[in-house]
Amino acid sequence: MSIIEISSPDRNDISFENFKTDYENDDFLNFSANSQLIKTSGLIDLQVNGFGGVDFNTPGISSEDLQKSLEAMLASGVTSCLPTLITASEEHLKSCFKNLEISINSCPLAKMMIAGYHLEGPFISPHPGFSGCHNVKEIVEIDRDMFLRLQETAGGRICIVTLAPELNGAIPFIEYLVSQGIIVAIGHTAAGPEKIHEAVLAGAKLSTHLGNGTRSELSKNNNPIISQLSEDKLSASFIADGYHLSPEVLKVYLRAKQSKRTILITDATAGAASEPGIYKLGNLELNLESKPVIFKK
């Protein structure tokens, strides 16, 4: 299955007509026969934590909040997305999923744009660097029952799970998720090449924001980045914003994965498409003064 074959809502009764800009044709884009630009029906973002001042990882989101966020996202060219929830307590995650589900049901734009959810954590490495910005206190071992409770609250719409394959019970959990039609992504992992290969054999298909969510100092040849780049059965998502990965590093990674196995994501937070200020990512505070957004200390 192609990594982007994610089932989306029935759009037969929903149209983008109400959300179009004032431009009624493409002539203003000045496409020429030699143009390097490509017209598409819209972009897909597989990893977005928030957008337009709205945090998907904070309980209490309303349909109005969601509409505002998605309108800002739509204006950027994204027509389908996976709201992404990161490591938090089970109750916190369930509250977020519950509020998202309620808001989606009363927001026509959300029904059209939200193709499911991406759960990033809490089944990831707790070690410094590999855990990234995730709350280490809420990182847990593989817990299938916990996942099933989250999936129930999410209306069965969690379609990507990012996990660390070195955790106890991860390989059979990967096999289970794959049997349920859920895409398994490797991320925030300290795994060696053998464990990463084992995860691929179990059905993992994707590397989440490869090159990030890792330690700044790694063995030059034996590390999780090299191991995932070398796995031809793994597609990889990259944050190509010039900050998470330098252009030179991204060029090398893209050559390893090639276009057929490359996915670009934003991993956006509430500060995306927003005015300078303080924004939330779950229990974290983000300070947007200029690019990039930074954690407020």
C-alpha atoms as a PDB file:
ATOM      1  CA  MET A   1       0.000   0.000   0.000  1.00  0.00           C
ATOM      2  CA  SER A   2       1.295   3.431  -0.858  1.00  0.00           C
ATOM      3  CA  ILE A   3       2.121   5.386   2.253  1.00  0.00           C
ATOM      4  CA  ILE A   4      -0.267   8.174   1.257  1.00  0.00           C
ATOM      5  CA  GLU A   5      -3.254   5.919   0.662  1.00  0.00           C
ATOM      6  CA  ILE A   6      -5.035   7.128   3.776  1.00  0.00           C
ATOM      7  CA  SER A   7      -8.785   6.769   3.748  1.00  0.00           C
ATOM      8  CA  SER A   8     -10.477  10.145   3.862  1.00  0.00           C
ATOM      9  CA  PRO A   9     -14.016  11.301   4.604  1.00  0.00           C
ATOM     10  CA  ASP A  10     -16.732  10.939   1.993  1.00  0.00           C
ATOM     11  CA  ARG A  11     -16.523  14.173   0.065  1.00  0.00           C
ATOM     12  CA  ASN A  12     -19.471  13.573  -2.249  1.00  0.00           C
ATOM     13  CA  ASP A  13     -21.666  15.994  -0.351  1.00  0.00           C
ATOM     14  CA  ILE A  14     -18.966  18.522   0.485  1.00  0.00           C
ATOM     15  CA  SER A  15     -17.397  21.050  -1.852  1.00  0.00           C
ATOM     16  CA  PHE A  16     -14.526  23.480  -1.649  1.00  0.00           C
ATOM     17  CA  GLU A  17     -16.696  26.067  -3.402  1.00  0.00           C
ATOM     18  CA  ASN A  18     -17.504  27.835  -0.137  1.00  0.00           C
ATOM     19  CA  PHE A  19     -13.837  28.075   0.747  1.00  0.00           C
ATOM     20  CA  LYS A  20     -12.398  29.393  -2.532  1.00  0.00           C
ATOM     21  CA  THR A  21     -10.419  32.594  -2.751  1.00  0.00           C
ATOM     22  CA  ASP A  22     -11.467  35.475  -4.946  1.00  0.00           C
ATOM     23  CA  TYR A  23      -9.343  34.086  -7.766  1.00  0.00           C
ATOM     24  CA  GLU A  24     -11.614  32.211 -10.144  1.00  0.00           C
ATOM     25  CA  ASN A  25      -8.930  30.973 -12.525  1.00  0.00           C
ATOM     26  CA  ASP A  26      -5.247  30.082 -12.464  1.00  0.00           C
ATOM     27  CA  ASP A  27      -4.091  32.779 -14.908  1.00  0.00           C
ATOM     28  CA  PHE A  28      -2.868  35.028 -12.099  1.00  0.00           C
ATOM     29  CA  LEU A  29      -0.262  32.367 -11.252  1.00  0.00           C
ATOM     30  CA  ASN A  30       1.405  33.011 -14.615  1.00  0.00           C
ATOM     31  CA  PHE A  31       2.198  29.382 -15.350  1.00  0.00           C
ATOM     32  CA  SER A  32       4.326  29.107 -18.474  1.00  0.00           C
ATOM     33  CA  ALA A  33       5.449  26.152 -20.561  1.00  0.00           C
ATOM     34  CA  ASN A  34       8.848  26.290 -18.837  1.00  0.00           C
ATOM     35  CA  SER A  35       7.513  26.858 -15.327  1.00  0.00           C
ATOM     36  CA  GLN A  36       9.099  24.945 -12.444  1.00  0.00           C
ATOM     37  CA  LEU A  37       5.770  25.128 -10.592  1.00  0.00           C
ATOM     38  CA  ILE A  38       3.290  22.268 -10.503  1.00  0.00           C
ATOM     39  CA  LYS A  39      -0.436  22.731 -10.055  1.00  0.00           C
ATOM     40  CA  THR A  40      -2.037  20.176  -7.735  1.00  0.00           C
ATOM     41  CA  SER A  41      -5.469  19.603  -6.261  1.00  0.00           C
ATOM     42  CA  GLY A  42      -3.987  20.263  -2.821  1.00  0.00           C
ATOM     43  CA  LEU A  43      -1.287  19.200  -0.391  1.00  0.00           C
ATOM     44  CA  ILE A  44      -1.527  16.553   2.346  1.00  0.00           C
ATOM     45  CA  ASP A  45       0.129  17.132   5.731  1.00  0.00           C
ATOM     46  CA  LEU A  46       0.599  13.921   7.701  1.00  0.00           C
ATOM     47  CA  GLN A  47       1.862  15.658  10.824  1.00  0.00           C
ATOM     48  CA  VAL A  48       0.377  18.862  12.163  1.00  0.00           C
ATOM     49  CA  ASN A  49       0.135  19.577  15.905  1.00  0.00           C
ATOM     50  CA  GLY A  50      -1.761  22.828  15.493  1.00  0.00           C
ATOM     51  CA  PHE A  51      -2.117  25.751  13.114  1.00  0.00           C
ATOM     52  CA  GLY A  52      -3.332  29.307  12.930  1.00  0.00           C
ATOM     53  CA  GLY A  53      -3.173  29.956  16.663  1.00  0.00           C
ATOM     54  CA  VAL A  54      -4.987  26.731  17.579  1.00  0.00           C
ATOM     55  CA  ASP A  55      -3.320  23.822  19.396  1.00  0.00           C
ATOM     56  CA  PHE A  56      -4.718  20.350  18.735  1.00  0.00           C
ATOM     57  CA  ASN A  57      -2.878  19.062  21.831  1.00  0.00           C
ATOM     58  CA  THR A  58      -4.789  21.213  24.302  1.00  0.00           C
ATOM     59  CA  PRO A  59      -8.172  19.897  25.491  1.00  0.00           C
ATOM     60  CA  GLY A  60     -11.202  22.094  24.905  1.00  0.00           C
ATOM     61  CA  ILE A  61     -10.899  22.813  21.184  1.00  0.00           C
ATOM     62  CA  SER A  62     -14.211  24.038  19.749  1.00  0.00           C
ATOM     63  CA  SER A  63     -15.645  23.759  16.256  1.00  0.00           C
ATOM     64  CA  GLU A  64     -14.976  27.500  15.840  1.00  0.00           C
ATOM     65  CA  ASP A  65     -11.325  26.977  16.811  1.00  0.00           C
ATOM     66  CA  LEU A  66     -11.014  24.097  14.381  1.00  0.00           C
ATOM     67  CA  GLN A  67     -12.654  26.064  11.572  1.00  0.00           C
ATOM     68  CA  LYS A  68     -10.236  28.944  12.116  1.00  0.00           C
ATOM     69  CA  SER A  69      -7.229  26.628  12.109  1.00  0.00           C
ATOM     70  CA  LEU A  70      -8.287  24.737   8.996  1.00  0.00           C
ATOM     71  CA  GLU A  71      -9.109  27.901   7.071  1.00  0.00           C
ATOM     72  CA  ALA A  72      -5.546  29.096   7.718  1.00  0.00           C
ATOM     73  CA  MET A  73      -4.198  25.715   6.662  1.00  0.00           C
ATOM     74  CA  LEU A  74      -6.327  25.673   3.524  1.00  0.00           C
ATOM     75  CA  ALA A  75      -4.989  29.101   2.590  1.00  0.00           C
ATOM     76  CA  SER A  76      -1.477  27.599   2.655  1.00  0.00           C
ATOM     77  CA  GLY A  77      -2.453  24.980   0.069  1.00  0.00           C
ATOM     78  CA  VAL A  78      -3.130  22.034   2.398  1.00  0.00           C
ATOM     79  CA  THR A  79      -6.456  20.351   1.653  1.00  0.00           C
ATOM     80  CA  SER A  80      -6.069  17.205   3.795  1.00  0.00           C
ATOM     81  CA  CYS A  81      -4.284  16.693   7.113  1.00  0.00           C
ATOM     82  CA  LEU A  82      -3.781  14.453  10.097  1.00  0.00           C
ATOM     83  CA  PRO A  83      -4.050  16.337  13.398  1.00  0.00           C
ATOM     84  CA  THR A  84      -1.176  14.944  15.445  1.00  0.00           C
ATOM     85  CA  LEU A  85      -1.226  14.320  19.175  1.00  0.00           C
ATOM     86  CA  ILE A  86       2.075  13.876  20.954  1.00  0.00           C
ATOM     87  CA  THR A  87       3.057  12.168  24.209  1.00  0.00           C
ATOM     88  CA  ALA A  88       0.801  13.006  27.149  1.00  0.00           C
ATOM     89  CA  SER A  89      -1.132  11.162  29.829  1.00  0.00           C
ATOM     90  CA  GLU A  90      -3.885   8.848  28.663  1.00  0.00           C
ATOM     91  CA  GLU A  91      -6.565  11.117  30.104  1.00  0.00           C
ATOM     92  CA  HIS A  92      -5.060  14.172  28.384  1.00  0.00           C
ATOM     93  CA  LEU A  93      -4.940  12.384  25.036  1.00  0.00           C
ATOM     94  CA  LYS A  94      -8.484  11.099  25.420  1.00  0.00           C
ATOM     95  CA  SER A  95      -9.729  14.597  26.220  1.00  0.00           C
ATOM     96  CA  CYS A  96      -8.054  15.972  23.084  1.00  0.00           C
ATOM     97  CA  PHE A  97      -9.427  13.215  20.855  1.00  0.00           C
ATOM     98  CA  LYS A  98     -12.900  13.596  22.341  1.00  0.00           C
ATOM     99  CA  ASN A  99     -12.973  17.350  21.748  1.00  0.00           C
ATOM    100  CA  LEU A 100     -11.610  16.955  18.212  1.00  0.00           C
ATOM    101  CA  GLU A 101     -14.267  14.379  17.371  1.00  0.00           C
ATOM    102  CA  ILE A 102     -17.064  16.586  18.682  1.00  0.00           C
ATOM    103  CA  SER A 103     -15.720  19.604  16.801  1.00  0.00           C
ATOM    104  CA  ILE A 104     -15.261  17.718  13.543  1.00  0.00           C
ATOM    105  CA  ASN A 105     -18.864  16.544  13.590  1.00  0.00           C
ATOM    106  CA  SER A 106     -20.103  20.138  13.632  1.00  0.00           C
ATOM    107  CA  CYS A 107     -17.520  21.609  11.233  1.00  0.00           C
ATOM    108  CA  PRO A 108     -18.077  20.908   7.498  1.00  0.00           C
ATOM    109  CA  LEU A 109     -14.562  22.027   6.604  1.00  0.00           C
ATOM    110  CA  ALA A 110     -13.109  19.595   9.139  1.00  0.00           C
ATOM    111  CA  LYS A 111     -15.151  16.739   7.706  1.00  0.00           C
ATOM    112  CA  MET A 112     -13.615  17.534   4.357  1.00  0.00           C
ATOM    113  CA  MET A 113     -10.008  18.129   5.398  1.00  0.00           C
ATOM    114  CA  ILE A 114      -9.293  15.796   8.324  1.00  0.00           C
ATOM    115  CA  ALA A 115      -8.488  12.304   7.047  1.00  0.00           C
ATOM    116  CA  GLY A 116      -7.691  10.830  10.459  1.00  0.00           C
ATOM    117  CA  TYR A 117      -5.217  11.250  13.301  1.00  0.00           C
ATOM    118  CA  HIS A 118      -1.511  10.705  13.817  1.00  0.00           C
ATOM    119  CA  LEU A 119      -0.536   9.486  17.295  1.00  0.00           C
ATOM    120  CA  GLU A 120       3.132  10.368  17.942  1.00  0.00           C
ATOM    121  CA  GLY A 121       3.995   8.714  21.236  1.00  0.00           C
ATOM    122  CA  PRO A 122       3.693   7.951  24.074  1.00  0.00           C
ATOM    123  CA  PHE A 123       5.460   4.713  23.012  1.00  0.00           C
ATOM    124  CA  ILE A 124       8.834   6.301  22.225  1.00  0.00           C
ATOM    125  CA  SER A 125      12.363   6.448  23.615  1.00  0.00           C
ATOM    126  CA  PRO A 126      12.629   8.277  26.957  1.00  0.00           C
ATOM    127  CA  HIS A 127      16.339   8.990  26.528  1.00  0.00           C
ATOM    128  CA  PRO A 128      17.638  12.571  26.187  1.00  0.00           C
ATOM    129  CA  GLY A 129      17.665  13.807  22.625  1.00  0.00           C
ATOM    130  CA  PHE A 130      15.633  10.894  21.295  1.00  0.00           C
ATOM    131  CA  SER A 131      12.577  12.025  23.274  1.00  0.00           C
ATOM    132  CA  GLY A 132      12.696  15.464  21.638  1.00  0.00           C
ATOM    133  CA  CYS A 133      10.181  17.876  23.157  1.00  0.00           C
ATOM    134  CA  HIS A 134       7.980  15.057  24.470  1.00  0.00           C
ATOM    135  CA  ASN A 135       7.257  14.944  28.191  1.00  0.00           C
ATOM    136  CA  VAL A 136       9.536  12.164  29.442  1.00  0.00           C
ATOM    137  CA  LYS A 137       7.328  11.619  32.494  1.00  0.00           C
ATOM    138  CA  GLU A 138       4.452  10.565  30.213  1.00  0.00           C
ATOM    139  CA  ILE A 139       6.467   8.254  27.929  1.00  0.00           C
ATOM    140  CA  VAL A 140       5.406   4.654  28.554  1.00  0.00           C
ATOM    141  CA  GLU A 141       6.144   1.113  27.418  1.00  0.00           C
ATOM    142  CA  ILE A 142       3.974  -0.431  24.720  1.00  0.00           C
ATOM    143  CA  ASP A 143       0.422  -0.752  26.027  1.00  0.00           C
ATOM    144  CA  ARG A 144      -2.017  -2.218  23.521  1.00  0.00           C
ATOM    145  CA  ASP A 145      -5.005  -1.782  25.827  1.00  0.00           C
ATOM    146  CA  MET A 146      -4.180   1.896  26.248  1.00  0.00           C
ATOM    147  CA  PHE A 147      -3.990   2.295  22.496  1.00  0.00           C
ATOM    148  CA  LEU A 148      -7.364   0.596  22.058  1.00  0.00           C
ATOM    149  CA  ARG A 149      -8.935   3.003  24.543  1.00  0.00           C
ATOM    150  CA  LEU A 150      -7.438   5.964  22.678  1.00  0.00           C
ATOM    151  CA  GLN A 151      -8.600   4.563  19.351  1.00  0.00           C
ATOM    152  CA  GLU A 152     -12.127   4.152  20.681  1.00  0.00           C
ATOM    153  CA  THR A 153     -12.190   7.768  21.871  1.00  0.00           C
ATOM    154  CA  ALA A 154     -10.800   8.872  18.504  1.00  0.00           C
ATOM    155  CA  GLY A 155     -13.659   7.193  16.671  1.00  0.00           C
ATOM    156  CA  GLY A 156     -11.341   4.569  15.199  1.00  0.00           C
ATOM    157  CA  ARG A 157      -9.594   7.259  13.159  1.00  0.00           C
ATOM    158  CA  ILE A 158      -5.978   6.955  14.369  1.00  0.00           C
ATOM    159  CA  CYS A 159      -4.309   5.920  11.109  1.00  0.00           C
ATOM    160  CA  ILE A 160      -0.613   6.545  11.833  1.00  0.00           C
ATOM    161  CA  VAL A 161       1.233   5.599  15.019  1.00  0.00           C
ATOM    162  CA  THR A 162       4.820   6.732  15.563  1.00  0.00           C
ATOM    163  CA  LEU A 163       6.744   4.548  17.999  1.00  0.00           C
ATOM    164  CA  ALA A 164      10.223   3.362  18.974  1.00  0.00           C
ATOM    165  CA  PRO A 165      10.689  -0.290  17.930  1.00  0.00           C
ATOM    166  CA  GLU A 166      13.226  -1.056  20.681  1.00  0.00           C
ATOM    167  CA  LEU A 167      10.543  -0.841  23.396  1.00  0.00           C
ATOM    168  CA  ASN A 168       9.422  -4.088  25.005  1.00  0.00           C
ATOM    169  CA  GLY A 169       6.566  -5.585  23.005  1.00  0.00           C
ATOM    170  CA  ALA A 170       6.970  -3.179  20.087  1.00  0.00           C
ATOM    171  CA  ILE A 171       7.372  -5.776  17.326  1.00  0.00           C
ATOM    172  CA  PRO A 172       4.140  -7.712  18.029  1.00  0.00           C
ATOM    173  CA  PHE A 173       2.402  -4.360  18.538  1.00  0.00           C
ATOM    174  CA  ILE A 174       3.588  -3.255  15.092  1.00  0.00           C
ATOM    175  CA  GLU A 175       2.220  -6.478  13.627  1.00  0.00           C
ATOM    176  CA  TYR A 176      -1.107  -5.873  15.349  1.00  0.00           C
ATOM    177  CA  LEU A 177      -1.389  -2.278  14.128  1.00  0.00           C
ATOM    178  CA  VAL A 178      -0.574  -3.312  10.573  1.00  0.00           C
ATOM    179  CA  SER A 179      -3.271  -6.015  10.746  1.00  0.00           C
ATOM    180  CA  GLN A 180      -5.731  -3.234  11.601  1.00  0.00           C
ATOM    181  CA  GLY A 181      -4.751  -1.169   8.569  1.00  0.00           C
ATOM    182  CA  ILE A 182      -2.797   1.378  10.620  1.00  0.00           C
ATOM    183  CA  ILE A 183       0.463   2.768   9.252  1.00  0.00           C
ATOM    184  CA  VAL A 184       3.359   2.289  11.666  1.00  0.00           C
ATOM    185  CA  ALA A 185       6.078   4.922  11.661  1.00  0.00           C
ATOM    186  CA  ILE A 186       9.450   4.718  13.369  1.00  0.00           C
ATOM    187  CA  GLY A 187      10.390   7.832  15.281  1.00  0.00           C
ATOM    188  CA  HIS A 188      12.024   9.163  18.445  1.00  0.00           C
ATOM    189  CA  THR A 189      14.034   5.964  18.513  1.00  0.00           C
ATOM    190  CA  ALA A 190      17.468   4.905  19.730  1.00  0.00           C
ATOM    191  CA  ALA A 191      17.184   1.530  18.002  1.00  0.00           C
ATOM    192  CA  GLY A 192      20.085  -0.153  16.294  1.00  0.00           C
ATOM    193  CA  PRO A 193      19.984  -1.427  12.703  1.00  0.00           C
ATOM    194  CA  GLU A 194      18.857  -4.936  13.658  1.00  0.00           C
ATOM    195  CA  LYS A 195      15.818  -3.707  15.574  1.00  0.00           C
ATOM    196  CA  ILE A 196      14.885  -1.219  12.854  1.00  0.00           C
ATOM    197  CA  HIS A 197      15.103  -3.994  10.256  1.00  0.00           C
ATOM    198  CA  GLU A 198      12.950  -6.188  12.494  1.00  0.00           C
ATOM    199  CA  ALA A 199      10.355  -3.420  12.663  1.00  0.00           C
ATOM    200  CA  VAL A 200      10.344  -3.158   8.870  1.00  0.00           C
ATOM    201  CA  LEU A 201       9.820  -6.906   8.547  1.00  0.00           C
ATOM    202  CA  ALA A 202       6.913  -6.564  10.997  1.00  0.00           C
ATOM    203  CA  GLY A 203       5.322  -3.991   8.698  1.00  0.00           C
ATOM    204  CA  ALA A 204       6.615  -0.520   9.619  1.00  0.00           C
ATOM    205  CA  LYS A 205       6.442   1.670   6.507  1.00  0.00           C
ATOM    206  CA  LEU A 206       7.513   5.165   7.492  1.00  0.00           C
ATOM    207  CA  SER A 207      10.182   7.140   9.336  1.00  0.00           C
ATOM    208  CA  THR A 208       8.758  10.146  11.182  1.00  0.00           C
ATOM    209  CA  HIS A 209      10.599  13.475  10.654  1.00  0.00           C
ATOM    210  CA  LEU A 210      13.807  11.588   9.974  1.00  0.00           C
ATOM    211  CA  GLY A 211      16.886  13.446  11.168  1.00  0.00           C
ATOM    212  CA  ASN A 212      15.003  14.973  14.096  1.00  0.00           C
ATOM    213  CA  GLY A 213      13.901  13.510  17.417  1.00  0.00           C
ATOM    214  CA  THR A 214      17.409  12.154  17.949  1.00  0.00           C
ATOM    215  CA  ARG A 215      20.587  12.970  19.849  1.00  0.00           C
ATOM    216  CA  SER A 216      22.846  15.675  18.484  1.00  0.00           C
ATOM    217  CA  GLU A 217      25.872  13.407  18.945  1.00  0.00           C
ATOM    218  CA  LEU A 218      25.677   9.989  17.305  1.00  0.00           C
ATOM    219  CA  SER A 219      28.049   7.317  16.074  1.00  0.00           C
ATOM    220  CA  LYS A 220      29.004   8.456  12.582  1.00  0.00           C
ATOM    221  CA  ASN A 221      28.028   5.203  10.854  1.00  0.00           C
ATOM    222  CA  ASN A 222      25.957   3.158  13.314  1.00  0.00           C
ATOM    223  CA  ASN A 223      22.934   5.259  14.244  1.00  0.00           C
ATOM    224  CA  PRO A 224      19.151   5.288  13.781  1.00  0.00           C
ATOM    225  CA  ILE A 225      19.261   7.842  10.947  1.00  0.00           C
ATOM    226  CA  ILE A 226      21.633   5.825   8.757  1.00  0.00           C
ATOM    227  CA  SER A 227      19.743   2.619   9.554  1.00  0.00           C
ATOM    228  CA  GLN A 228      16.446   4.108   8.395  1.00  0.00           C
ATOM    229  CA  LEU A 229      17.916   5.805   5.335  1.00  0.00           C
ATOM    230  CA  SER A 230      19.263   2.444   4.205  1.00  0.00           C
ATOM    231  CA  GLU A 231      15.922   0.638   4.535  1.00  0.00           C
ATOM    232  CA  ASP A 232      14.376   0.750   1.068  1.00  0.00           C
ATOM    233  CA  LYS A 233      11.005  -0.425   2.403  1.00  0.00           C
ATOM    234  CA  LEU A 234      10.759   2.671   4.616  1.00  0.00           C
ATOM    235  CA  SER A 235       9.432   5.924   3.251  1.00  0.00           C
ATOM    236  CA  ALA A 236      10.525   8.953   5.253  1.00  0.00           C
ATOM    237  CA  SER A 237       8.964  12.244   6.215  1.00  0.00           C
ATOM    238  CA  PHE A 238      11.162  15.322   6.497  1.00  0.00           C
ATOM    239  CA  ILE A 239      10.608  18.793   7.937  1.00  0.00           C
ATOM    240  CA  ALA A 240      12.041  20.847   5.081  1.00  0.00           C
ATOM    241  CA  ASP A 241      11.851  24.273   6.713  1.00  0.00           C
ATOM    242  CA  GLY A 242      15.563  25.046   6.740  1.00  0.00           C
ATOM    243  CA  TYR A 243      15.701  24.918  10.550  1.00  0.00           C
ATOM    244  CA  HIS A 244      15.046  21.304  11.487  1.00  0.00           C
ATOM    245  CA  LEU A 245      17.401  20.145   8.740  1.00  0.00           C
ATOM    246  CA  SER A 246      19.972  22.214   6.924  1.00  0.00           C
ATOM    247  CA  PRO A 247      19.640  22.299   3.118  1.00  0.00           C
ATOM    248  CA  GLU A 248      22.868  20.315   2.756  1.00  0.00           C
ATOM    249  CA  VAL A 249      21.722  17.538   5.093  1.00  0.00           C
ATOM    250  CA  LEU A 250      18.270  17.402   3.516  1.00  0.00           C
ATOM    251  CA  LYS A 251      19.857  17.041   0.068  1.00  0.00           C
ATOM    252  CA  VAL A 252      21.759  13.953   1.231  1.00  0.00           C
ATOM    253  CA  TYR A 253      18.663  12.441   2.840  1.00  0.00           C
ATOM    254  CA  LEU A 254      16.570  13.038  -0.279  1.00  0.00           C
ATOM    255  CA  ARG A 255      19.170  11.361  -2.445  1.00  0.00           C
ATOM    256  CA  ALA A 256      19.030   8.312  -0.179  1.00  0.00           C
ATOM    257  CA  LYS A 257      15.238   8.067  -0.145  1.00  0.00           C
ATOM    258  CA  GLN A 258      14.540   9.409  -3.646  1.00  0.00           C
ATOM    259  CA  SER A 259      11.275  11.130  -4.477  1.00  0.00           C
ATOM    260  CA  LYS A 260       9.239   7.917  -4.445  1.00  0.00           C
ATOM    261  CA  ARG A 261       9.975   7.395  -0.744  1.00  0.00           C
ATOM    262  CA  THR A 262       9.985  11.030   0.371  1.00  0.00           C
ATOM    263  CA  ILE A 263       7.175  12.858   2.169  1.00  0.00           C
ATOM    264  CA  LEU A 264       7.416  16.490   3.248  1.00  0.00           C
ATOM    265  CA  ILE A 265       5.587  17.513   6.421  1.00  0.00           C
ATOM    266  CA  THR A 266       5.328  20.697   8.465  1.00  0.00           C
ATOM    267  CA  ASP A 267       5.077  19.270  12.020  1.00  0.00           C
ATOM    268  CA  ALA A 268       3.422  22.639  12.539  1.00  0.00           C
ATOM    269  CA  THR A 269       2.333  24.027  15.891  1.00  0.00           C
ATOM    270  CA  ALA A 270      -0.247  26.648  16.835  1.00  0.00           C
ATOM    271  CA  GLY A 271       2.305  29.339  16.000  1.00  0.00           C
ATOM    272  CA  ALA A 272       2.131  28.506  12.288  1.00  0.00           C
ATOM    273  CA  ALA A 273       0.447  31.250  10.229  1.00  0.00           C
ATOM    274  CA  SER A 274       0.127  33.297  13.424  1.00  0.00           C
ATOM    275  CA  GLU A 275       1.205  36.645  14.780  1.00  0.00           C
ATOM    276  CA  PRO A 276       4.145  36.803  17.224  1.00  0.00           C
ATOM    277  CA  GLY A 277       3.131  35.721  20.714  1.00  0.00           C
ATOM    278  CA  ILE A 278       2.942  32.823  23.150  1.00  0.00           C
ATOM    279  CA  TYR A 279       1.308  29.598  21.932  1.00  0.00           C
ATOM    280  CA  LYS A 280       0.710  26.141  23.367  1.00  0.00           C
ATOM    281  CA  LEU A 281       1.801  22.651  22.420  1.00  0.00           C
ATOM    282  CA  GLY A 282       0.006  20.610  25.022  1.00  0.00           C
ATOM    283  CA  ASN A 283       1.585  21.614  28.325  1.00  0.00           C
ATOM    284  CA  LEU A 284       4.495  23.361  26.603  1.00  0.00           C
ATOM    285  CA  GLU A 285       4.625  27.077  25.909  1.00  0.00           C
ATOM    286  CA  LEU A 286       6.047  28.253  22.587  1.00  0.00           C
ATOM    287  CA  ASN A 287       7.455  31.714  22.012  1.00  0.00           C
ATOM    288  CA  LEU A 288       6.988  33.054  18.491  1.00  0.00           C
ATOM    289  CA  GLU A 289       9.034  36.223  18.131  1.00  0.00           C
ATOM    290  CA  SER A 290      10.565  35.416  14.784  1.00  0.00           C
ATOM    291  CA  LYS A 291      11.291  32.273  12.859  1.00  0.00           C
ATOM    292  CA  PRO A 292      11.671  29.607  14.159  1.00  0.00           C
ATOM    293  CA  VAL A 293       9.300  29.218  17.094  1.00  0.00           C
ATOM    294  CA  ILE A 294      11.161  28.298  20.312  1.00  0.00           C
ATOM    295  CA  PHE A 295      10.162  26.763  23.618  1.00  0.00           C
ATOM    296  CA  LYS A 296       9.533  29.369  26.285  1.00  0.00           C
ATOM    297  CA  LYS A 297      11.735  28.829  29.326  1.00  0.00           C
END
